[in-house]
Amino acid sequence: MSTKTSTPLGIHLIAGGTAGFAEACVCHPLDTIKVRMQLSRSKQGRGRGFIKTGLMIAQKESFLGLYKGLGAVISGIVPKMSIRFASFETYKGWLANKQTGKVNSGSIFFSGLGAGVTEAVAVVCPMEVVKIRLQAQMHSMSDPLDIPKYRNAGHALYLILKEEGPMTLYRGVALTALRQATNQAANFTAYTELRALCQRLQPDLNKGELPSYQTLVLGLISGAVGPFTNAPIDTIKTRIQRSTATAGETAWRRFRSVTSEMFVQEGPKAFYKGITPRVMRVAPGQAVVFAVYEKVKTIIEKLKAEMLEYNE
């Protein structure tokens, strides 16, 4: 795999941001259902299923209840996806063979790890703390006295900073970084290898560009890999980020407390709560991301080439 014909970093930033916006609008309801399932507490990890949880939210809080926290997601996912693709390409360039410009599977894997950690620290952790606080709110649309604490993403951010301090936005950052790193390592490695395989099987493709439907399928497959490997990490992280701060409690003590409480009170199945909507959220999300990313990148590159040709 060669990186000799490298794409300018700005194109990765724009294409990644556009892909992130599209993914958020399409897939956010599934994420809200996932969070509600993860936060539900029941013995042996049993609770409402994916469909029942979604219907309950829609019935009690209206259809728009499924889009709680979308503002926080959009304000975070655009820079997140920009950072993800730009940092991945940067790390990949650093790890490429200096003579040939080729990148092996190991370099792709470590570039994905680096991209996951970068996006987690820069954007994902603060964004998810705000998003989870909003999604965790349960209120009835028929009761005017049932007023949620957080009105919107901006209000939630303001109250969190005022009442709990800025470090609250980085609660669970280690677990978030671990989740994002493993996700993106698996995601980029699977997608890159599958894409290369499809290109080898279709030598007549124009400049190796896969049809959009193939990119969707490859993104769907690669996006499903991560959630199965790190579901416990994601569930523990969600519980930690939902909780309020306790004076004098270290991150490690909070992690042990949440983990042991889940295991004793709810059983081992609790660590996989929300796995169905998470896979249904992440896999289609990655399908949308890669399809939009590849399409936008191709369009920008063509426009750039046409402009250069016109100026000449």
C-alpha atoms as a PDB file:
ATOM      1  CA  MET A   1       0.000   0.000   0.000  1.00  0.00           C
ATOM      2  CA  SER A   2       1.604   3.218  -1.090  1.00  0.00           C
ATOM      3  CA  THR A   3       1.239   6.759   0.174  1.00  0.00           C
ATOM      4  CA  LYS A   4       3.223   8.444  -2.587  1.00  0.00           C
ATOM      5  CA  THR A   5       0.202  10.192  -4.088  1.00  0.00           C
ATOM      6  CA  SER A   6      -0.729  11.767  -0.770  1.00  0.00           C
ATOM      7  CA  THR A   7      -3.831  13.883  -0.351  1.00  0.00           C
ATOM      8  CA  PRO A   8      -3.403  17.311   1.306  1.00  0.00           C
ATOM      9  CA  LEU A   9      -4.314  17.320   5.008  1.00  0.00           C
ATOM     10  CA  GLY A  10      -7.000  19.967   4.491  1.00  0.00           C
ATOM     11  CA  ILE A  11      -8.997  17.628   2.266  1.00  0.00           C
ATOM     12  CA  HIS A  12      -8.999  14.938   4.975  1.00  0.00           C
ATOM     13  CA  LEU A  13     -10.197  17.543   7.494  1.00  0.00           C
ATOM     14  CA  ILE A  14     -13.095  18.705   5.294  1.00  0.00           C
ATOM     15  CA  ALA A  15     -14.129  15.219   4.143  1.00  0.00           C
ATOM     16  CA  GLY A  16     -13.926  13.832   7.679  1.00  0.00           C
ATOM     17  CA  GLY A  17     -16.004  16.662   9.143  1.00  0.00           C
ATOM     18  CA  THR A  18     -18.695  16.296   6.484  1.00  0.00           C
ATOM     19  CA  ALA A  19     -18.833  12.537   7.051  1.00  0.00           C
ATOM     20  CA  GLY A  20     -19.194  13.082  10.792  1.00  0.00           C
ATOM     21  CA  PHE A  21     -22.146  15.440  10.351  1.00  0.00           C
ATOM     22  CA  ALA A  22     -23.949  12.952   8.099  1.00  0.00           C
ATOM     23  CA  GLU A  23     -23.321  10.087  10.504  1.00  0.00           C
ATOM     24  CA  ALA A  24     -24.668  12.016  13.512  1.00  0.00           C
ATOM     25  CA  CYS A  25     -27.916  12.942  11.788  1.00  0.00           C
ATOM     26  CA  VAL A  26     -28.561   9.375  10.627  1.00  0.00           C
ATOM     27  CA  CYS A  27     -27.508   7.325  13.652  1.00  0.00           C
ATOM     28  CA  HIS A  28     -27.965   9.381  16.846  1.00  0.00           C
ATOM     29  CA  PRO A  29     -31.294   7.774  17.943  1.00  0.00           C
ATOM     30  CA  LEU A  30     -29.552   4.395  18.210  1.00  0.00           C
ATOM     31  CA  ASP A  31     -26.917   5.927  20.472  1.00  0.00           C
ATOM     32  CA  THR A  32     -29.587   7.380  22.783  1.00  0.00           C
ATOM     33  CA  ILE A  33     -31.196   3.944  23.094  1.00  0.00           C
ATOM     34  CA  LYS A  34     -27.794   2.395  23.810  1.00  0.00           C
ATOM     35  CA  VAL A  35     -27.067   4.881  26.611  1.00  0.00           C
ATOM     36  CA  ARG A  36     -30.485   4.334  28.244  1.00  0.00           C
ATOM     37  CA  MET A  37     -29.960   0.561  28.150  1.00  0.00           C
ATOM     38  CA  GLN A  38     -26.482   0.872  29.661  1.00  0.00           C
ATOM     39  CA  LEU A  39     -27.751   3.123  32.465  1.00  0.00           C
ATOM     40  CA  SER A  40     -30.693   0.872  33.362  1.00  0.00           C
ATOM     41  CA  ARG A  41     -30.063  -1.107  36.526  1.00  0.00           C
ATOM     42  CA  SER A  42     -31.556  -4.572  36.815  1.00  0.00           C
ATOM     43  CA  LYS A  43     -30.507  -7.904  38.266  1.00  0.00           C
ATOM     44  CA  GLN A  44     -28.447 -10.198  36.045  1.00  0.00           C
ATOM     45  CA  GLY A  45     -28.173  -7.513  33.400  1.00  0.00           C
ATOM     46  CA  ARG A  46     -31.780  -8.036  32.272  1.00  0.00           C
ATOM     47  CA  GLY A  47     -33.866  -5.054  31.286  1.00  0.00           C
ATOM     48  CA  ARG A  48     -35.864  -3.590  28.450  1.00  0.00           C
ATOM     49  CA  GLY A  49     -34.715  -4.655  25.033  1.00  0.00           C
ATOM     50  CA  PHE A  50     -33.559  -2.404  22.232  1.00  0.00           C
ATOM     51  CA  ILE A  51     -36.966  -1.961  20.566  1.00  0.00           C
ATOM     52  CA  LYS A  52     -38.891  -1.546  23.847  1.00  0.00           C
ATOM     53  CA  THR A  53     -36.426   1.069  25.062  1.00  0.00           C
ATOM     54  CA  GLY A  54     -36.752   3.039  21.834  1.00  0.00           C
ATOM     55  CA  LEU A  55     -40.555   2.872  21.893  1.00  0.00           C
ATOM     56  CA  MET A  56     -40.646   3.935  25.547  1.00  0.00           C
ATOM     57  CA  ILE A  57     -38.512   7.014  24.828  1.00  0.00           C
ATOM     58  CA  ALA A  58     -40.653   7.966  21.827  1.00  0.00           C
ATOM     59  CA  GLN A  59     -43.927   7.484  23.732  1.00  0.00           C
ATOM     60  CA  LYS A  60     -42.950   9.319  26.925  1.00  0.00           C
ATOM     61  CA  GLU A  61     -40.655  11.994  25.548  1.00  0.00           C
ATOM     62  CA  SER A  62     -41.768  12.246  21.895  1.00  0.00           C
ATOM     63  CA  PHE A  63     -39.757  11.199  18.852  1.00  0.00           C
ATOM     64  CA  LEU A  64     -37.394  14.119  19.456  1.00  0.00           C
ATOM     65  CA  GLY A  65     -36.393  12.456  22.732  1.00  0.00           C
ATOM     66  CA  LEU A  66     -34.316  10.077  20.623  1.00  0.00           C
ATOM     67  CA  TYR A  67     -32.289  13.078  19.480  1.00  0.00           C
ATOM     68  CA  LYS A  68     -31.366  14.306  22.955  1.00  0.00           C
ATOM     69  CA  GLY A  69     -27.749  15.402  23.011  1.00  0.00           C
ATOM     70  CA  LEU A  70     -27.573  15.753  19.217  1.00  0.00           C
ATOM     71  CA  GLY A  71     -26.358  19.339  19.531  1.00  0.00           C
ATOM     72  CA  ALA A  72     -23.425  18.214  21.653  1.00  0.00           C
ATOM     73  CA  VAL A  73     -22.720  15.395  19.216  1.00  0.00           C
ATOM     74  CA  ILE A  74     -22.744  17.568  16.093  1.00  0.00           C
ATOM     75  CA  SER A  75     -20.592  20.241  17.752  1.00  0.00           C
ATOM     76  CA  GLY A  76     -18.141  17.506  18.655  1.00  0.00           C
ATOM     77  CA  ILE A  77     -18.389  14.967  15.839  1.00  0.00           C
ATOM     78  CA  VAL A  78     -17.408  17.351  13.055  1.00  0.00           C
ATOM     79  CA  PRO A  79     -14.034  18.181  14.662  1.00  0.00           C
ATOM     80  CA  LYS A  80     -13.764  14.568  15.893  1.00  0.00           C
ATOM     81  CA  MET A  81     -13.992  13.089  12.410  1.00  0.00           C
ATOM     82  CA  SER A  82     -11.743  15.790  11.008  1.00  0.00           C
ATOM     83  CA  ILE A  83      -9.140  14.981  13.671  1.00  0.00           C
ATOM     84  CA  ARG A  84      -9.624  11.217  13.224  1.00  0.00           C
ATOM     85  CA  PHE A  85      -8.911  11.120   9.501  1.00  0.00           C
ATOM     86  CA  ALA A  86      -6.271  13.863   9.527  1.00  0.00           C
ATOM     87  CA  SER A  87      -4.338  12.326  12.436  1.00  0.00           C
ATOM     88  CA  PHE A  88      -4.646   8.827  10.947  1.00  0.00           C
ATOM     89  CA  GLU A  89      -3.174  10.023   7.660  1.00  0.00           C
ATOM     90  CA  THR A  90      -0.450  11.930   9.538  1.00  0.00           C
ATOM     91  CA  TYR A  91       0.585   8.925  11.647  1.00  0.00           C
ATOM     92  CA  LYS A  92       0.393   6.691   8.580  1.00  0.00           C
ATOM     93  CA  GLY A  93       2.750   9.051   6.762  1.00  0.00           C
ATOM     94  CA  TRP A  94       5.190   8.954   9.674  1.00  0.00           C
ATOM     95  CA  LEU A  95       5.158   5.132   9.730  1.00  0.00           C
ATOM     96  CA  ALA A  96       5.415   4.663   5.963  1.00  0.00           C
ATOM     97  CA  ASN A  97       8.585   3.240   4.458  1.00  0.00           C
ATOM     98  CA  LYS A  98      10.780   6.253   3.663  1.00  0.00           C
ATOM     99  CA  GLN A  99      12.138   4.731   0.437  1.00  0.00           C
ATOM    100  CA  THR A 100       9.021   3.158  -1.070  1.00  0.00           C
ATOM    101  CA  GLY A 101       6.242   5.099   0.651  1.00  0.00           C
ATOM    102  CA  LYS A 102       4.457   1.804   1.397  1.00  0.00           C
ATOM    103  CA  VAL A 103       2.491   1.189   4.594  1.00  0.00           C
ATOM    104  CA  ASN A 104       2.015  -2.311   6.034  1.00  0.00           C
ATOM    105  CA  SER A 105      -0.863  -3.634   8.143  1.00  0.00           C
ATOM    106  CA  GLY A 106       1.026  -3.066  11.388  1.00  0.00           C
ATOM    107  CA  SER A 107       1.518   0.599  10.552  1.00  0.00           C
ATOM    108  CA  ILE A 108      -2.188   0.928   9.707  1.00  0.00           C
ATOM    109  CA  PHE A 109      -3.078  -0.651  13.065  1.00  0.00           C
ATOM    110  CA  PHE A 110      -0.827   1.666  15.095  1.00  0.00           C
ATOM    111  CA  SER A 111      -1.960   4.686  13.083  1.00  0.00           C
ATOM    112  CA  GLY A 112      -5.536   3.780  14.032  1.00  0.00           C
ATOM    113  CA  LEU A 113      -4.527   3.453  17.689  1.00  0.00           C
ATOM    114  CA  GLY A 114      -2.932   6.886  17.590  1.00  0.00           C
ATOM    115  CA  ALA A 115      -5.915   8.445  15.836  1.00  0.00           C
ATOM    116  CA  GLY A 116      -8.277   6.986  18.442  1.00  0.00           C
ATOM    117  CA  VAL A 117      -6.288   8.362  21.373  1.00  0.00           C
ATOM    118  CA  THR A 118      -5.934  11.761  19.682  1.00  0.00           C
ATOM    119  CA  GLU A 119      -9.653  12.176  19.043  1.00  0.00           C
ATOM    120  CA  ALA A 120     -10.545  10.901  22.527  1.00  0.00           C
ATOM    121  CA  VAL A 121      -8.436  13.492  24.325  1.00  0.00           C
ATOM    122  CA  ALA A 122      -9.144  16.374  21.946  1.00  0.00           C
ATOM    123  CA  VAL A 123     -12.900  16.001  21.510  1.00  0.00           C
ATOM    124  CA  VAL A 124     -14.639  12.744  22.392  1.00  0.00           C
ATOM    125  CA  CYS A 125     -14.386  12.632  26.192  1.00  0.00           C
ATOM    126  CA  PRO A 126     -15.738  16.161  26.899  1.00  0.00           C
ATOM    127  CA  MET A 127     -18.399  15.714  24.211  1.00  0.00           C
ATOM    128  CA  GLU A 128     -19.594  12.392  25.628  1.00  0.00           C
ATOM    129  CA  VAL A 129     -19.843  13.641  29.208  1.00  0.00           C
ATOM    130  CA  VAL A 130     -22.237  16.373  28.024  1.00  0.00           C
ATOM    131  CA  LYS A 131     -24.082  14.014  25.655  1.00  0.00           C
ATOM    132  CA  ILE A 132     -24.578  11.284  28.267  1.00  0.00           C
ATOM    133  CA  ARG A 133     -25.888  13.752  30.859  1.00  0.00           C
ATOM    134  CA  LEU A 134     -28.487  14.929  28.319  1.00  0.00           C
ATOM    135  CA  GLN A 135     -29.405  11.436  27.127  1.00  0.00           C
ATOM    136  CA  ALA A 136     -29.750  10.112  30.685  1.00  0.00           C
ATOM    137  CA  GLN A 137     -32.490  12.620  31.527  1.00  0.00           C
ATOM    138  CA  MET A 138     -35.925  11.023  31.673  1.00  0.00           C
ATOM    139  CA  HIS A 139     -38.949  13.317  31.721  1.00  0.00           C
ATOM    140  CA  SER A 140     -42.567  13.188  30.591  1.00  0.00           C
ATOM    141  CA  MET A 141     -43.752  15.500  27.828  1.00  0.00           C
ATOM    142  CA  SER A 142     -47.288  15.371  29.317  1.00  0.00           C
ATOM    143  CA  ASP A 143     -46.195  16.729  32.720  1.00  0.00           C
ATOM    144  CA  PRO A 144     -45.281  20.447  32.580  1.00  0.00           C
ATOM    145  CA  LEU A 145     -43.775  20.240  36.085  1.00  0.00           C
ATOM    146  CA  ASP A 146     -41.333  17.534  35.031  1.00  0.00           C
ATOM    147  CA  ILE A 147     -38.534  19.830  33.888  1.00  0.00           C
ATOM    148  CA  PRO A 148     -35.151  18.334  32.957  1.00  0.00           C
ATOM    149  CA  LYS A 149     -32.063  19.720  34.668  1.00  0.00           C
ATOM    150  CA  TYR A 150     -30.191  20.344  31.415  1.00  0.00           C
ATOM    151  CA  ARG A 151     -32.046  22.282  28.703  1.00  0.00           C
ATOM    152  CA  ASN A 152     -29.523  21.767  25.896  1.00  0.00           C
ATOM    153  CA  ALA A 153     -25.850  21.017  25.262  1.00  0.00           C
ATOM    154  CA  GLY A 154     -24.704  24.563  26.044  1.00  0.00           C
ATOM    155  CA  HIS A 155     -26.689  24.668  29.281  1.00  0.00           C
ATOM    156  CA  ALA A 156     -25.392  21.240  30.300  1.00  0.00           C
ATOM    157  CA  LEU A 157     -21.810  22.329  29.651  1.00  0.00           C
ATOM    158  CA  TYR A 158     -22.352  25.503  31.693  1.00  0.00           C
ATOM    159  CA  LEU A 159     -23.828  23.657  34.699  1.00  0.00           C
ATOM    160  CA  ILE A 160     -21.173  20.932  34.634  1.00  0.00           C
ATOM    161  CA  LEU A 161     -18.382  23.522  34.637  1.00  0.00           C
ATOM    162  CA  LYS A 162     -20.117  25.608  37.325  1.00  0.00           C
ATOM    163  CA  GLU A 163     -21.126  22.802  39.694  1.00  0.00           C
ATOM    164  CA  GLU A 164     -18.421  20.191  39.167  1.00  0.00           C
ATOM    165  CA  GLY A 165     -15.451  21.917  37.547  1.00  0.00           C
ATOM    166  CA  PRO A 166     -13.689  21.534  34.173  1.00  0.00           C
ATOM    167  CA  MET A 167     -12.007  18.227  35.051  1.00  0.00           C
ATOM    168  CA  THR A 168     -15.450  16.592  35.092  1.00  0.00           C
ATOM    169  CA  LEU A 169     -15.392  16.836  31.297  1.00  0.00           C
ATOM    170  CA  TYR A 170     -12.460  14.407  31.364  1.00  0.00           C
ATOM    171  CA  ARG A 171     -14.061  11.871  33.667  1.00  0.00           C
ATOM    172  CA  GLY A 172     -13.411   8.456  32.161  1.00  0.00           C
ATOM    173  CA  VAL A 173     -10.797   9.817  29.733  1.00  0.00           C
ATOM    174  CA  ALA A 174      -8.546   6.750  30.090  1.00  0.00           C
ATOM    175  CA  LEU A 175     -11.400   4.374  29.256  1.00  0.00           C
ATOM    176  CA  THR A 176     -12.572   6.650  26.461  1.00  0.00           C
ATOM    177  CA  ALA A 177      -9.073   6.726  24.961  1.00  0.00           C
ATOM    178  CA  LEU A 178      -8.789   2.937  25.289  1.00  0.00           C
ATOM    179  CA  ARG A 179     -12.172   2.437  23.627  1.00  0.00           C
ATOM    180  CA  GLN A 180     -11.459   4.872  20.786  1.00  0.00           C
ATOM    181  CA  ALA A 181      -7.952   3.494  20.233  1.00  0.00           C
ATOM    182  CA  THR A 182      -9.102  -0.128  19.957  1.00  0.00           C
ATOM    183  CA  ASN A 183     -12.086   0.906  17.842  1.00  0.00           C
ATOM    184  CA  GLN A 184     -10.059   2.863  15.314  1.00  0.00           C
ATOM    185  CA  ALA A 185      -7.211   0.356  15.183  1.00  0.00           C
ATOM    186  CA  ALA A 186      -9.695  -2.394  14.281  1.00  0.00           C
ATOM    187  CA  ASN A 187     -11.786  -0.088  12.113  1.00  0.00           C
ATOM    188  CA  PHE A 188      -9.034   1.333   9.908  1.00  0.00           C
ATOM    189  CA  THR A 189      -7.165  -1.981   9.642  1.00  0.00           C
ATOM    190  CA  ALA A 190     -10.278  -3.914   8.587  1.00  0.00           C
ATOM    191  CA  TYR A 191     -11.454  -1.214   6.186  1.00  0.00           C
ATOM    192  CA  THR A 192      -8.035  -0.700   4.578  1.00  0.00           C
ATOM    193  CA  GLU A 193      -7.424  -4.419   4.089  1.00  0.00           C
ATOM    194  CA  LEU A 194     -10.935  -5.075   2.742  1.00  0.00           C
ATOM    195  CA  ARG A 195     -10.682  -2.077   0.424  1.00  0.00           C
ATOM    196  CA  ALA A 196      -7.330  -3.283  -0.922  1.00  0.00           C
ATOM    197  CA  LEU A 197      -8.830  -6.751  -1.475  1.00  0.00           C
ATOM    198  CA  CYS A 198     -11.766  -5.305  -3.439  1.00  0.00           C
ATOM    199  CA  GLN A 199      -9.384  -3.243  -5.562  1.00  0.00           C
ATOM    200  CA  ARG A 200      -7.302  -6.333  -6.360  1.00  0.00           C
ATOM    201  CA  LEU A 201     -10.425  -8.265  -7.336  1.00  0.00           C
ATOM    202  CA  GLN A 202     -11.562  -5.408  -9.601  1.00  0.00           C
ATOM    203  CA  PRO A 203      -8.488  -4.301 -11.555  1.00  0.00           C
ATOM    204  CA  ASP A 204     -10.602  -2.361 -14.065  1.00  0.00           C
ATOM    205  CA  LEU A 205     -11.759   0.225 -11.513  1.00  0.00           C
ATOM    206  CA  ASN A 206     -11.077   3.846 -12.443  1.00  0.00           C
ATOM    207  CA  LYS A 207      -8.067   4.871 -10.302  1.00  0.00           C
ATOM    208  CA  GLY A 208      -9.026   2.195  -7.787  1.00  0.00           C
ATOM    209  CA  GLU A 209     -12.190   4.071  -6.741  1.00  0.00           C
ATOM    210  CA  LEU A 210     -14.774   1.666  -5.345  1.00  0.00           C
ATOM    211  CA  PRO A 211     -18.494   2.196  -6.004  1.00  0.00           C
ATOM    212  CA  SER A 212     -20.318   3.851  -3.086  1.00  0.00           C
ATOM    213  CA  TYR A 213     -22.341   0.729  -2.277  1.00  0.00           C
ATOM    214  CA  GLN A 214     -19.118  -1.256  -1.824  1.00  0.00           C
ATOM    215  CA  THR A 215     -17.692   1.437   0.453  1.00  0.00           C
ATOM    216  CA  LEU A 216     -20.899   1.265   2.514  1.00  0.00           C
ATOM    217  CA  VAL A 217     -20.589  -2.504   2.917  1.00  0.00           C
ATOM    218  CA  LEU A 218     -16.895  -2.327   3.841  1.00  0.00           C
ATOM    219  CA  GLY A 219     -17.604   0.406   6.394  1.00  0.00           C
ATOM    220  CA  LEU A 220     -20.442  -1.656   7.864  1.00  0.00           C
ATOM    221  CA  ILE A 221     -18.206  -4.714   8.304  1.00  0.00           C
ATOM    222  CA  SER A 222     -15.223  -2.826   9.717  1.00  0.00           C
ATOM    223  CA  GLY A 223     -17.460  -0.788  12.028  1.00  0.00           C
ATOM    224  CA  ALA A 224     -18.918  -3.914  13.645  1.00  0.00           C
ATOM    225  CA  VAL A 225     -15.525  -5.243  14.765  1.00  0.00           C
ATOM    226  CA  GLY A 226     -14.762  -2.761  17.555  1.00  0.00           C
ATOM    227  CA  PRO A 227     -17.957  -2.932  19.660  1.00  0.00           C
ATOM    228  CA  PHE A 228     -17.654  -6.675  20.239  1.00  0.00           C
ATOM    229  CA  THR A 229     -14.097  -6.323  21.542  1.00  0.00           C
ATOM    230  CA  ASN A 230     -14.582  -3.437  23.969  1.00  0.00           C
ATOM    231  CA  ALA A 231     -18.237  -3.444  25.082  1.00  0.00           C
ATOM    232  CA  PRO A 232     -17.367  -3.701  28.832  1.00  0.00           C
ATOM    233  CA  ILE A 233     -15.074  -0.675  28.518  1.00  0.00           C
ATOM    234  CA  ASP A 234     -17.856   1.361  26.924  1.00  0.00           C
ATOM    235  CA  THR A 235     -20.467   0.400  29.534  1.00  0.00           C
ATOM    236  CA  ILE A 236     -18.177   1.170  32.506  1.00  0.00           C
ATOM    237  CA  LYS A 237     -17.181   4.457  30.873  1.00  0.00           C
ATOM    238  CA  THR A 238     -20.834   5.431  30.449  1.00  0.00           C
ATOM    239  CA  ARG A 239     -21.611   4.715  34.116  1.00  0.00           C
ATOM    240  CA  ILE A 240     -18.576   6.733  35.274  1.00  0.00           C
ATOM    241  CA  GLN A 241     -19.411   9.708  33.063  1.00  0.00           C
ATOM    242  CA  ARG A 242     -23.041   9.673  34.191  1.00  0.00           C
ATOM    243  CA  SER A 243     -22.136   9.820  37.889  1.00  0.00           C
ATOM    244  CA  THR A 244     -21.477  13.040  39.789  1.00  0.00           C
ATOM    245  CA  ALA A 245     -18.116  13.751  41.390  1.00  0.00           C
ATOM    246  CA  THR A 246     -17.297  12.489  44.912  1.00  0.00           C
ATOM    247  CA  ALA A 247     -14.835  14.528  46.939  1.00  0.00           C
ATOM    248  CA  GLY A 248     -11.467  12.820  47.365  1.00  0.00           C
ATOM    249  CA  GLU A 249     -12.301   9.888  45.080  1.00  0.00           C
ATOM    250  CA  THR A 250      -9.561   9.001  42.605  1.00  0.00           C
ATOM    251  CA  ALA A 251     -10.209   7.822  39.065  1.00  0.00           C
ATOM    252  CA  TRP A 252      -8.970   4.325  39.929  1.00  0.00           C
ATOM    253  CA  ARG A 253     -11.231   4.070  43.003  1.00  0.00           C
ATOM    254  CA  ARG A 254     -14.198   5.261  40.958  1.00  0.00           C
ATOM    255  CA  PHE A 255     -13.417   2.656  38.276  1.00  0.00           C
ATOM    256  CA  ARG A 256     -13.194  -0.148  40.862  1.00  0.00           C
ATOM    257  CA  SER A 257     -16.347   1.026  42.622  1.00  0.00           C
ATOM    258  CA  VAL A 258     -18.438   1.172  39.443  1.00  0.00           C
ATOM    259  CA  THR A 259     -17.088  -2.136  38.119  1.00  0.00           C
ATOM    260  CA  SER A 260     -17.583  -4.083  41.361  1.00  0.00           C
ATOM    261  CA  GLU A 261     -21.050  -2.596  41.915  1.00  0.00           C
ATOM    262  CA  MET A 262     -22.131  -3.632  38.413  1.00  0.00           C
ATOM    263  CA  PHE A 263     -20.769  -7.156  38.831  1.00  0.00           C
ATOM    264  CA  VAL A 264     -22.265  -7.766  42.298  1.00  0.00           C
ATOM    265  CA  GLN A 265     -25.655  -6.107  41.810  1.00  0.00           C
ATOM    266  CA  GLU A 266     -26.343  -6.837  38.131  1.00  0.00           C
ATOM    267  CA  GLY A 267     -24.121  -9.729  37.121  1.00  0.00           C
ATOM    268  CA  PRO A 268     -21.558 -10.096  34.298  1.00  0.00           C
ATOM    269  CA  LYS A 269     -24.174  -9.610  31.571  1.00  0.00           C
ATOM    270  CA  ALA A 270     -24.470  -5.978  32.672  1.00  0.00           C
ATOM    271  CA  PHE A 271     -21.131  -5.233  31.022  1.00  0.00           C
ATOM    272  CA  TYR A 272     -22.690  -6.021  27.652  1.00  0.00           C
ATOM    273  CA  LYS A 273     -25.816  -3.936  28.109  1.00  0.00           C
ATOM    274  CA  GLY A 274     -26.566  -1.947  25.011  1.00  0.00           C
ATOM    275  CA  ILE A 275     -24.355  -4.093  22.753  1.00  0.00           C
ATOM    276  CA  THR A 276     -27.166  -4.523  20.189  1.00  0.00           C
ATOM    277  CA  PRO A 277     -27.882  -0.809  19.674  1.00  0.00           C
ATOM    278  CA  ARG A 278     -24.169  -0.052  19.921  1.00  0.00           C
ATOM    279  CA  VAL A 279     -23.361  -2.386  17.028  1.00  0.00           C
ATOM    280  CA  MET A 280     -26.413  -1.082  15.178  1.00  0.00           C
ATOM    281  CA  ARG A 281     -25.201   2.462  15.882  1.00  0.00           C
ATOM    282  CA  VAL A 282     -21.479   2.068  15.201  1.00  0.00           C
ATOM    283  CA  ALA A 283     -21.577  -0.264  12.184  1.00  0.00           C
ATOM    284  CA  PRO A 284     -24.059   1.758  10.069  1.00  0.00           C
ATOM    285  CA  GLY A 285     -22.360   4.894  11.346  1.00  0.00           C
ATOM    286  CA  GLN A 286     -19.018   3.761   9.983  1.00  0.00           C
ATOM    287  CA  ALA A 287     -20.705   2.750   6.729  1.00  0.00           C
ATOM    288  CA  VAL A 288     -22.040   6.306   6.388  1.00  0.00           C
ATOM    289  CA  VAL A 289     -18.720   7.839   7.466  1.00  0.00           C
ATOM    290  CA  PHE A 290     -16.529   5.961   5.000  1.00  0.00           C
ATOM    291  CA  ALA A 291     -18.997   6.315   2.117  1.00  0.00           C
ATOM    292  CA  VAL A 292     -19.406  10.080   2.628  1.00  0.00           C
ATOM    293  CA  TYR A 293     -15.707  10.566   3.379  1.00  0.00           C
ATOM    294  CA  GLU A 294     -14.558   8.800   0.207  1.00  0.00           C
ATOM    295  CA  LYS A 295     -17.164  10.585  -1.924  1.00  0.00           C
ATOM    296  CA  VAL A 296     -16.410  14.072  -0.549  1.00  0.00           C
ATOM    297  CA  LYS A 297     -12.655  13.488  -0.801  1.00  0.00           C
ATOM    298  CA  THR A 298     -13.013  12.413  -4.431  1.00  0.00           C
ATOM    299  CA  ILE A 299     -15.197  15.436  -5.272  1.00  0.00           C
ATOM    300  CA  ILE A 300     -12.771  17.895  -3.652  1.00  0.00           C
ATOM    301  CA  GLU A 301      -9.771  16.308  -5.371  1.00  0.00           C
ATOM    302  CA  LYS A 302     -11.531  16.508  -8.755  1.00  0.00           C
ATOM    303  CA  LEU A 303     -12.516  20.144  -8.177  1.00  0.00           C
ATOM    304  CA  LYS A 304      -8.969  20.964  -7.162  1.00  0.00           C
ATOM    305  CA  ALA A 305      -7.557  19.272 -10.273  1.00  0.00           C
ATOM    306  CA  GLU A 306     -10.040  21.106 -12.515  1.00  0.00           C
ATOM    307  CA  MET A 307      -9.178  24.458 -10.933  1.00  0.00           C
ATOM    308  CA  LEU A 308      -5.456  23.851 -11.392  1.00  0.00           C
ATOM    309  CA  GLU A 309      -6.040  22.818 -15.001  1.00  0.00           C
ATOM    310  CA  TYR A 310      -8.184  25.922 -15.616  1.00  0.00           C
ATOM    311  CA  ASN A 311      -5.556  28.245 -14.111  1.00  0.00           C
ATOM    312  CA  GLU A 312      -2.888  26.759 -16.350  1.00  0.00           C
END
